[in-house]
């Protein structure tokens, strides 16, 4: 996620949104990893931090984000 965030901050043509964060959280939820919830929670925290820093509504967590976190 860090590379994607850096790309967004340094490239005006790249539009960051919550889709990528949601994909990563869903992947952790389906992984079966014992630490999946903690890893998904870290992604959600990053998402909140980027949203709070940028106020970009496209990054704001939505019901899909919270569902992915609960599934983890």
PDB file of N, CA and C in Angstrom:
ATOM      1  N   UNK A   1       0.814  -1.185   0.000  1.00  0.00           N
ATOM      2  CA  UNK A   1       0.000   0.000   0.000  1.00  0.00           C
ATOM      3  C   UNK A   1       0.863   1.255   0.000  1.00  0.00           C
ATOM      4  N   UNK A   2       2.005   1.200   0.646  1.00  0.00           N
ATOM      5  CA  UNK A   2       2.876   2.375   0.723  1.00  0.00           C
ATOM      6  C   UNK A   2       3.281   2.835  -0.663  1.00  0.00           C
ATOM      7  N   UNK A   3       3.624   1.899  -1.555  1.00  0.00           N
ATOM      8  CA  UNK A   3       4.033   2.271  -2.912  1.00  0.00           C
ATOM      9  C   UNK A   3       2.889   2.943  -3.666  1.00  0.00           C
ATOM     10  N   UNK A   4       1.689   2.452  -3.485  1.00  0.00           N
ATOM     11  CA  UNK A   4       0.528   3.039  -4.145  1.00  0.00           C
ATOM     12  C   UNK A   4       0.282   4.448  -3.599  1.00  0.00           C
ATOM     13  N   UNK A   5       0.381   4.607  -2.288  1.00  0.00           N
ATOM     14  CA  UNK A   5       0.192   5.917  -1.683  1.00  0.00           C
ATOM     15  C   UNK A   5       1.251   6.897  -2.177  1.00  0.00           C
ATOM     16  N   UNK A   6       2.512   6.445  -2.252  1.00  0.00           N
ATOM     17  CA  UNK A   6       3.587   7.308  -2.744  1.00  0.00           C
ATOM     18  C   UNK A   6       3.338   7.716  -4.187  1.00  0.00           C
ATOM     19  N   UNK A   7       2.880   6.788  -5.002  1.00  0.00           N
ATOM     20  CA  UNK A   7       2.578   7.081  -6.402  1.00  0.00           C
ATOM     21  C   UNK A   7       1.509   8.161  -6.491  1.00  0.00           C
ATOM     22  N   UNK A   8       0.492   8.040  -5.668  1.00  0.00           N
ATOM     23  CA  UNK A   8      -0.585   9.037  -5.664  1.00  0.00           C
ATOM     24  C   UNK A   8      -0.066  10.423  -5.281  1.00  0.00           C
ATOM     25  N   UNK A   9       0.775  10.471  -4.278  1.00  0.00           N
ATOM     26  CA  UNK A   9       1.273  11.754  -3.793  1.00  0.00           C
ATOM     27  C   UNK A   9       2.236  12.413  -4.774  1.00  0.00           C
ATOM     28  N   UNK A  10       2.923  11.607  -5.590  1.00  0.00           N
ATOM     29  CA  UNK A  10       3.951  12.144  -6.488  1.00  0.00           C
ATOM     30  C   UNK A  10       3.517  12.216  -7.946  1.00  0.00           C
ATOM     31  N   UNK A  11       2.363  11.678  -8.278  1.00  0.00           N
ATOM     32  CA  UNK A  11       1.907  11.643  -9.670  1.00  0.00           C
ATOM     33  C   UNK A  11       0.469  12.138  -9.717  1.00  0.00           C
ATOM     34  N   UNK A  12       0.252  13.276 -10.320  1.00  0.00           N
ATOM     35  CA  UNK A  12      -1.089  13.861 -10.346  1.00  0.00           C
ATOM     36  C   UNK A  12      -2.057  13.075 -11.220  1.00  0.00           C
ATOM     37  N   UNK A  13      -1.559  12.209 -12.118  1.00  0.00           N
ATOM     38  CA  UNK A  13      -2.434  11.402 -12.968  1.00  0.00           C
ATOM     39  C   UNK A  13      -2.979  10.171 -12.236  1.00  0.00           C
ATOM     40  N   UNK A  14      -2.360   9.819 -11.126  1.00  0.00           N
ATOM     41  CA  UNK A  14      -2.777   8.645 -10.359  1.00  0.00           C
ATOM     42  C   UNK A  14      -3.795   9.075  -9.309  1.00  0.00           C
ATOM     43  N   UNK A  15      -4.984   8.502  -9.379  1.00  0.00           N
ATOM     44  CA  UNK A  15      -6.042   8.852  -8.437  1.00  0.00           C
ATOM     45  C   UNK A  15      -6.232   7.702  -7.439  1.00  0.00           C
ATOM     46  N   UNK A  16      -5.902   7.941  -6.211  1.00  0.00           N
ATOM     47  CA  UNK A  16      -6.028   6.951  -5.159  1.00  0.00           C
ATOM     48  C   UNK A  16      -7.470   6.911  -4.668  1.00  0.00           C
ATOM     49  N   UNK A  17      -7.992   5.693  -4.429  1.00  0.00           N
ATOM     50  CA  UNK A  17      -9.323   5.546  -3.865  1.00  0.00           C
ATOM     51  C   UNK A  17      -9.337   4.361  -2.909  1.00  0.00           C
ATOM     52  N   UNK A  18     -10.488   4.065  -2.351  1.00  0.00           N
ATOM     53  CA  UNK A  18     -10.574   3.006  -1.351  1.00  0.00           C
ATOM     54  C   UNK A  18     -10.582   1.602  -1.956  1.00  0.00           C
ATOM     55  N   UNK A  19     -10.702   1.491  -3.255  1.00  0.00           N
ATOM     56  CA  UNK A  19     -10.773   0.180  -3.916  1.00  0.00           C
ATOM     57  C   UNK A  19      -9.544  -0.679  -3.604  1.00  0.00           C
ATOM     58  N   UNK A  20      -8.362  -0.117  -3.728  1.00  0.00           N
ATOM     59  CA  UNK A  20      -7.135  -0.871  -3.460  1.00  0.00           C
ATOM     60  C   UNK A  20      -7.037  -1.316  -2.007  1.00  0.00           C
ATOM     61  N   UNK A  21      -7.385  -0.430  -1.096  1.00  0.00           N
ATOM     62  CA  UNK A  21      -7.376  -0.787   0.323  1.00  0.00           C
ATOM     63  C   UNK A  21      -8.360  -1.930   0.586  1.00  0.00           C
ATOM     64  N   UNK A  22      -9.546  -1.830  -0.004  1.00  0.00           N
ATOM     65  CA  UNK A  22     -10.561  -2.869   0.182  1.00  0.00           C
ATOM     66  C   UNK A  22     -10.089  -4.210  -0.374  1.00  0.00           C
ATOM     67  N   UNK A  23      -9.420  -4.194  -1.522  1.00  0.00           N
ATOM     68  CA  UNK A  23      -8.899  -5.435  -2.097  1.00  0.00           C
ATOM     69  C   UNK A  23      -7.906  -6.111  -1.159  1.00  0.00           C
ATOM     70  N   UNK A  24      -7.021  -5.315  -0.586  1.00  0.00           N
ATOM     71  CA  UNK A  24      -6.014  -5.876   0.312  1.00  0.00           C
ATOM     72  C   UNK A  24      -6.673  -6.437   1.572  1.00  0.00           C
ATOM     73  N   UNK A  25      -7.633  -5.719   2.130  1.00  0.00           N
ATOM     74  CA  UNK A  25      -8.319  -6.228   3.328  1.00  0.00           C
ATOM     75  C   UNK A  25      -9.098  -7.504   3.017  1.00  0.00           C
ATOM     76  N   UNK A  26      -9.739  -7.559   1.856  1.00  0.00           N
ATOM     77  CA  UNK A  26     -10.451  -8.779   1.455  1.00  0.00           C
ATOM     78  C   UNK A  26      -9.486  -9.938   1.274  1.00  0.00           C
ATOM     79  N   UNK A  27      -8.324  -9.663   0.717  1.00  0.00           N
ATOM     80  CA  UNK A  27      -7.320 -10.718   0.541  1.00  0.00           C
ATOM     81  C   UNK A  27      -6.891 -11.275   1.897  1.00  0.00           C
ATOM     82  N   UNK A  28      -6.663 -10.398   2.864  1.00  0.00           N
ATOM     83  CA  UNK A  28      -6.310 -10.869   4.203  1.00  0.00           C
ATOM     84  C   UNK A  28      -7.462 -11.664   4.812  1.00  0.00           C
ATOM     85  N   UNK A  29      -8.677 -11.215   4.619  1.00  0.00           N
ATOM     86  CA  UNK A  29      -9.843 -11.913   5.180  1.00  0.00           C
ATOM     87  C   UNK A  29      -9.943 -13.337   4.647  1.00  0.00           C
ATOM     88  N   UNK A  30      -9.583 -13.537   3.411  1.00  0.00           N
ATOM     89  CA  UNK A  30      -9.689 -14.866   2.782  1.00  0.00           C
ATOM     90  C   UNK A  30      -8.436 -15.708   2.944  1.00  0.00           C
ATOM     91  N   UNK A  31      -7.398 -15.150   3.517  1.00  0.00           N
ATOM     92  CA  UNK A  31      -6.100 -15.819   3.567  1.00  0.00           C
ATOM     93  C   UNK A  31      -6.038 -16.986   4.552  1.00  0.00           C
ATOM     94  N   UNK A  32      -6.841 -16.926   5.591  1.00  0.00           N
ATOM     95  CA  UNK A  32      -6.747 -17.955   6.624  1.00  0.00           C
ATOM     96  C   UNK A  32      -5.598 -17.716   7.594  1.00  0.00           C
ATOM     97  N   UNK A  33      -4.873 -16.646   7.415  1.00  0.00           N
ATOM     98  CA  UNK A  33      -3.754 -16.291   8.282  1.00  0.00           C
ATOM     99  C   UNK A  33      -4.281 -15.958   9.677  1.00  0.00           C
ATOM    100  N   UNK A  34      -3.585 -16.427  10.706  1.00  0.00           N
ATOM    101  CA  UNK A  34      -3.995 -16.164  12.085  1.00  0.00           C
ATOM    102  C   UNK A  34      -3.964 -14.676  12.432  1.00  0.00           C
ATOM    103  N   UNK A  35      -3.133 -13.942  11.736  1.00  0.00           N
ATOM    104  CA  UNK A  35      -2.992 -12.500  12.003  1.00  0.00           C
ATOM    105  C   UNK A  35      -3.763 -11.667  10.981  1.00  0.00           C
ATOM    106  N   UNK A  36      -4.688 -12.287  10.257  1.00  0.00           N
ATOM    107  CA  UNK A  36      -5.414 -11.581   9.188  1.00  0.00           C
ATOM    108  C   UNK A  36      -6.150 -10.359   9.707  1.00  0.00           C
ATOM    109  N   UNK A  37      -6.808 -10.487  10.849  1.00  0.00           N
ATOM    110  CA  UNK A  37      -7.546  -9.341  11.373  1.00  0.00           C
ATOM    111  C   UNK A  37      -6.610  -8.180  11.690  1.00  0.00           C
ATOM    112  N   UNK A  38      -5.499  -8.459  12.340  1.00  0.00           N
ATOM    113  CA  UNK A  38      -4.556  -7.402  12.706  1.00  0.00           C
ATOM    114  C   UNK A  38      -4.008  -6.724  11.451  1.00  0.00           C
ATOM    115  N   UNK A  39      -3.705  -7.509  10.429  1.00  0.00           N
ATOM    116  CA  UNK A  39      -3.171  -6.942   9.190  1.00  0.00           C
ATOM    117  C   UNK A  39      -4.232  -6.115   8.477  1.00  0.00           C
ATOM    118  N   UNK A  40      -5.463  -6.601   8.455  1.00  0.00           N
ATOM    119  CA  UNK A  40      -6.552  -5.838   7.850  1.00  0.00           C
ATOM    120  C   UNK A  40      -6.819  -4.565   8.656  1.00  0.00           C
ATOM    121  N   UNK A  41      -6.719  -4.667   9.958  1.00  0.00           N
ATOM    122  CA  UNK A  41      -6.907  -3.499  10.816  1.00  0.00           C
ATOM    123  C   UNK A  41      -5.836  -2.439  10.535  1.00  0.00           C
ATOM    124  N   UNK A  42      -4.612  -2.868  10.289  1.00  0.00           N
ATOM    125  CA  UNK A  42      -3.540  -1.929   9.953  1.00  0.00           C
ATOM    126  C   UNK A  42      -3.836  -1.219   8.631  1.00  0.00           C
ATOM    127  N   UNK A  43      -4.390  -1.953   7.671  1.00  0.00           N
ATOM    128  CA  UNK A  43      -4.759  -1.345   6.389  1.00  0.00           C
ATOM    129  C   UNK A  43      -5.864  -0.303   6.616  1.00  0.00           C
ATOM    130  N   UNK A  44      -6.840  -0.644   7.449  1.00  0.00           N
ATOM    131  CA  UNK A  44      -7.932   0.291   7.741  1.00  0.00           C
ATOM    132  C   UNK A  44      -7.384   1.553   8.412  1.00  0.00           C
ATOM    133  N   UNK A  45      -6.443   1.398   9.333  1.00  0.00           N
ATOM    134  CA  UNK A  45      -5.839   2.553   9.995  1.00  0.00           C
ATOM    135  C   UNK A  45      -5.109   3.435   8.989  1.00  0.00           C
ATOM    136  N   UNK A  46      -4.387   2.809   8.045  1.00  0.00           N
ATOM    137  CA  UNK A  46      -3.701   3.577   7.000  1.00  0.00           C
ATOM    138  C   UNK A  46      -4.711   4.350   6.175  1.00  0.00           C
ATOM    139  N   UNK A  47      -5.806   3.668   5.850  1.00  0.00           N
ATOM    140  CA  UNK A  47      -6.860   4.284   5.050  1.00  0.00           C
ATOM    141  C   UNK A  47      -7.418   5.516   5.765  1.00  0.00           C
ATOM    142  N   UNK A  48      -7.702   5.373   7.040  1.00  0.00           N
ATOM    143  CA  UNK A  48      -8.195   6.503   7.842  1.00  0.00           C
ATOM    144  C   UNK A  48      -7.168   7.631   7.872  1.00  0.00           C
ATOM    145  N   UNK A  49      -5.903   7.286   8.072  1.00  0.00           N
ATOM    146  CA  UNK A  49      -4.857   8.312   8.142  1.00  0.00           C
ATOM    147  C   UNK A  49      -4.729   9.072   6.825  1.00  0.00           C
ATOM    148  N   UNK A  50      -4.738   8.350   5.706  1.00  0.00           N
ATOM    149  CA  UNK A  50      -4.623   9.019   4.407  1.00  0.00           C
ATOM    150  C   UNK A  50      -5.855   9.883   4.167  1.00  0.00           C
ATOM    151  N   UNK A  51      -7.025   9.363   4.513  1.00  0.00           N
ATOM    152  CA  UNK A  51      -8.238  10.169   4.353  1.00  0.00           C
ATOM    153  C   UNK A  51      -8.171  11.431   5.213  1.00  0.00           C
ATOM    154  N   UNK A  52      -7.773  11.282   6.481  1.00  0.00           N
ATOM    155  CA  UNK A  52      -7.688  12.439   7.376  1.00  0.00           C
ATOM    156  C   UNK A  52      -6.663  13.462   6.901  1.00  0.00           C
ATOM    157  N   UNK A  53      -5.569  12.983   6.304  1.00  0.00           N
ATOM    158  CA  UNK A  53      -4.530  13.886   5.809  1.00  0.00           C
ATOM    159  C   UNK A  53      -4.951  14.612   4.536  1.00  0.00           C
ATOM    160  N   UNK A  54      -5.685  13.924   3.657  1.00  0.00           N
ATOM    161  CA  UNK A  54      -5.995  14.487   2.343  1.00  0.00           C
ATOM    162  C   UNK A  54      -7.429  14.982   2.207  1.00  0.00           C
ATOM    163  N   UNK A  55      -8.329  14.460   3.038  1.00  0.00           N
ATOM    164  CA  UNK A  55      -9.769  14.746   2.934  1.00  0.00           C
ATOM    165  C   UNK A  55     -10.327  14.379   1.552  1.00  0.00           C
ATOM    166  N   UNK A  56      -9.680  13.394   0.932  1.00  0.00           N
ATOM    167  CA  UNK A  56     -10.128  12.878  -0.359  1.00  0.00           C
ATOM    168  C   UNK A  56     -11.265  11.893  -0.102  1.00  0.00           C
ATOM    169  N   UNK A  57     -12.476  12.251  -0.494  1.00  0.00           N
ATOM    170  CA  UNK A  57     -13.653  11.411  -0.239  1.00  0.00           C
ATOM    171  C   UNK A  57     -13.546  10.041  -0.898  1.00  0.00           C
ATOM    172  N   UNK A  58     -12.771   9.927  -1.965  1.00  0.00           N
ATOM    173  CA  UNK A  58     -12.618   8.640  -2.654  1.00  0.00           C
ATOM    174  C   UNK A  58     -11.847   7.632  -1.808  1.00  0.00           C
ATOM    175  N   UNK A  59     -11.099   8.107  -0.824  1.00  0.00           N
ATOM    176  CA  UNK A  59     -10.306   7.230   0.048  1.00  0.00           C
ATOM    177  C   UNK A  59     -11.066   6.879   1.317  1.00  0.00           C
ATOM    178  N   UNK A  60     -12.096   7.602   1.621  1.00  0.00           N
ATOM    179  CA  UNK A  60     -12.851   7.398   2.861  1.00  0.00           C
ATOM    180  C   UNK A  60     -13.375   5.957   2.936  1.00  0.00           C
ATOM    181  N   UNK A  61     -13.167   5.292   4.090  1.00  0.00           N
ATOM    182  CA  UNK A  61     -13.690   3.934   4.246  1.00  0.00           C
ATOM    183  C   UNK A  61     -15.204   3.910   4.063  1.00  0.00           C
ATOM    184  N   UNK A  62     -15.700   2.842   3.447  1.00  0.00           N
ATOM    185  CA  UNK A  62     -17.132   2.698   3.204  1.00  0.00           C
ATOM    186  C   UNK A  62     -17.608   1.367   3.776  1.00  0.00           C
ATOM    187  N   UNK A  63     -18.842   1.003   3.472  1.00  0.00           N
ATOM    188  CA  UNK A  63     -19.388  -0.240   4.039  1.00  0.00           C
ATOM    189  C   UNK A  63     -18.615  -1.459   3.564  1.00  0.00           C
ATOM    190  N   UNK A  64     -18.061  -1.405   2.369  1.00  0.00           N
ATOM    191  CA  UNK A  64     -17.245  -2.523   1.867  1.00  0.00           C
ATOM    192  C   UNK A  64     -15.969  -2.631   2.685  1.00  0.00           C
ATOM    193  N   UNK A  65     -15.399  -1.505   3.053  1.00  0.00           N
ATOM    194  CA  UNK A  65     -14.186  -1.492   3.875  1.00  0.00           C
ATOM    195  C   UNK A  65     -14.439  -2.141   5.236  1.00  0.00           C
ATOM    196  N   UNK A  66     -15.520  -1.714   5.873  1.00  0.00           N
ATOM    197  CA  UNK A  66     -15.826  -2.257   7.199  1.00  0.00           C
ATOM    198  C   UNK A  66     -16.248  -3.727   7.141  1.00  0.00           C
ATOM    199  N   UNK A  67     -16.914  -4.129   6.066  1.00  0.00           N
ATOM    200  CA  UNK A  67     -17.273  -5.539   5.895  1.00  0.00           C
ATOM    201  C   UNK A  67     -16.022  -6.389   5.734  1.00  0.00           C
ATOM    202  N   UNK A  68     -15.075  -5.913   4.939  1.00  0.00           N
ATOM    203  CA  UNK A  68     -13.818  -6.643   4.751  1.00  0.00           C
ATOM    204  C   UNK A  68     -13.099  -6.799   6.083  1.00  0.00           C
ATOM    205  N   UNK A  69     -13.079  -5.750   6.889  1.00  0.00           N
ATOM    206  CA  UNK A  69     -12.432  -5.818   8.189  1.00  0.00           C
ATOM    207  C   UNK A  69     -13.130  -6.828   9.104  1.00  0.00           C
ATOM    208  N   UNK A  70     -14.455  -6.806   9.112  1.00  0.00           N
ATOM    209  CA  UNK A  70     -15.196  -7.773   9.932  1.00  0.00           C
ATOM    210  C   UNK A  70     -14.980  -9.202   9.452  1.00  0.00           C
ATOM    211  N   UNK A  71     -14.870  -9.402   8.149  1.00  0.00           N
ATOM    212  CA  UNK A  71     -14.631 -10.740   7.615  1.00  0.00           C
ATOM    213  C   UNK A  71     -13.262 -11.285   8.009  1.00  0.00           C
ATOM    214  N   UNK A  72     -12.330 -10.376   8.191  1.00  0.00           N
ATOM    215  CA  UNK A  72     -10.976 -10.808   8.604  1.00  0.00           C
ATOM    216  C   UNK A  72     -10.999 -11.303  10.044  1.00  0.00           C
TER     217      UNK A  72
END
